[in-house]
Amino acid sequence: MGFLKRNHLKYGIAAIIVLIIVSACTQPIFFRNMAIGMPGHFMFGKIPERNFYENVSIGDFLEPKWSAVTSGSQSNTSIVIYNDILFVSDLSGKLYALDRKTGKLFGYEKFSGAIPVAPVVNNLRLFLMVNELNEKYSTIKNFDILNGKVLDESKIYGGVHNELLKLDDGIIVLSDYGELLKYNLVGTKGWSTNTKVDSHSSPASDGNVIVFGNEKGELISCSAKTGEVLYRKKICGGIEAGLSISGYNIYFGDKTGKVFCVNLNDGKIIWQYDTKNKIVVTPVMNAENLFIGNLNGDIFCLNKADGKLKWKVKTEGVIDATPLLLKNKLVQPDLNRKVYLIDVKTGNIEKTMPFETRTKLSPVYYDGVIYLGADRGEINAYQTFKQ
């Protein structure tokens, strides 16, 4: 643990230097020689179903690679990656491009508002939501990373704090006021469906339907092609957590602490489990089990098929960021300045990583590296070693 603290101090000093450089000059984002069709981690949850699982086993030792700091804090979202470029936005309205291997700052763009959710990458285009300052609308921007300019933008009534979805034929936005919108991949608005109920539940999709919850506890399913409401069912007291889809089922938690498994086709409840405290995170799953935490600091492992409890761990912290699930470990941020490495079979906390500020970003695993985020815009990269 002393090793981690010493390295956090060393990389923290380097991060401050990066912050000074960022504050002192403007360096626009553009990558003239970037190729189309490169690999990456393109959205929050990696795919439209929201899959936070990586089929890899790692050891307990995480080697610090680099640390960088942006000028504003992040919300409970994630970084995205295109090839060797890591993109992260912050609540000060800045979009940063970093070298994912070294943490070097390539550049940043400043927008007139806050960027509370992860951008979505589509080849050489990047879609991002800006909640405009002192306005009653937000703006979705289609940013060209090849030439460093906004190609198109569209206003949306109200703010947007729900994560974006990238489908094969477009980008899905769910506003805080419950309006579901679809834009094509060049940024032109297609359809919109106004459900007229506040929604703070990041949607998921299997490519055919889009599902999300709202403050009334309704589960809504819409056609991904037309936006038509397929069903709208009262499930619980209120849903502020994100949804995940696995096979023919939807999984999510609610404001009272209940976890639900619901049939994707008709919205019927298959099972529910009561964790007793509010859930705001998106559940993560492997083939057999579901993992989810609540604001009381409790983390649960449930059987996906019947909802029966396999294990529970009490952290005495606050679980408000969606974890990363690996083959043998759950990487779980705790708002109380910690990240846990938890054995997925037993629930034992194998390692606790302390931080100087609150941990907020959902961890991302990519190419052998885990990316973590802490308050005040700190981004940390750790090399993993396969077990």
Foldseek 3Di string as FASTA:
>chain_A
DVVLVVVCVVQVVVQVVQQVVQVPDAAFFAAQPADFPADWQFWQLSAQLRALEDAFFFDPDWAFQHKHFYQAWAFQEAWIDGHQWIWDFHQQQKIWTARNRHRHTNGMDHDQGGFHYYWGDHTQWIWTKGDHPPDQWIKIFIAGNNGRGTPDMDIDGHAFNAIWHDAPFFIWGAHQQGKIWTAGPSGHTDDIDGPRAGFQEHWGDPRQWIWGWGQQQWIWIAGPVHRHTPDIGRDDRGFNAYWGDDDQWIWGAGQQQKIFIAGNNPRHTPEIDHPRHGFHYYWHDDPFWIWGDAQQQKIFIAGPNYRDTQDIDHDSFGFNHYWRHYNFWTFGFGQVQWTFTAGNNYRDGPDINGHPGGWRYHWHDDPQWIWTAGTSRMIIIIGTHGD
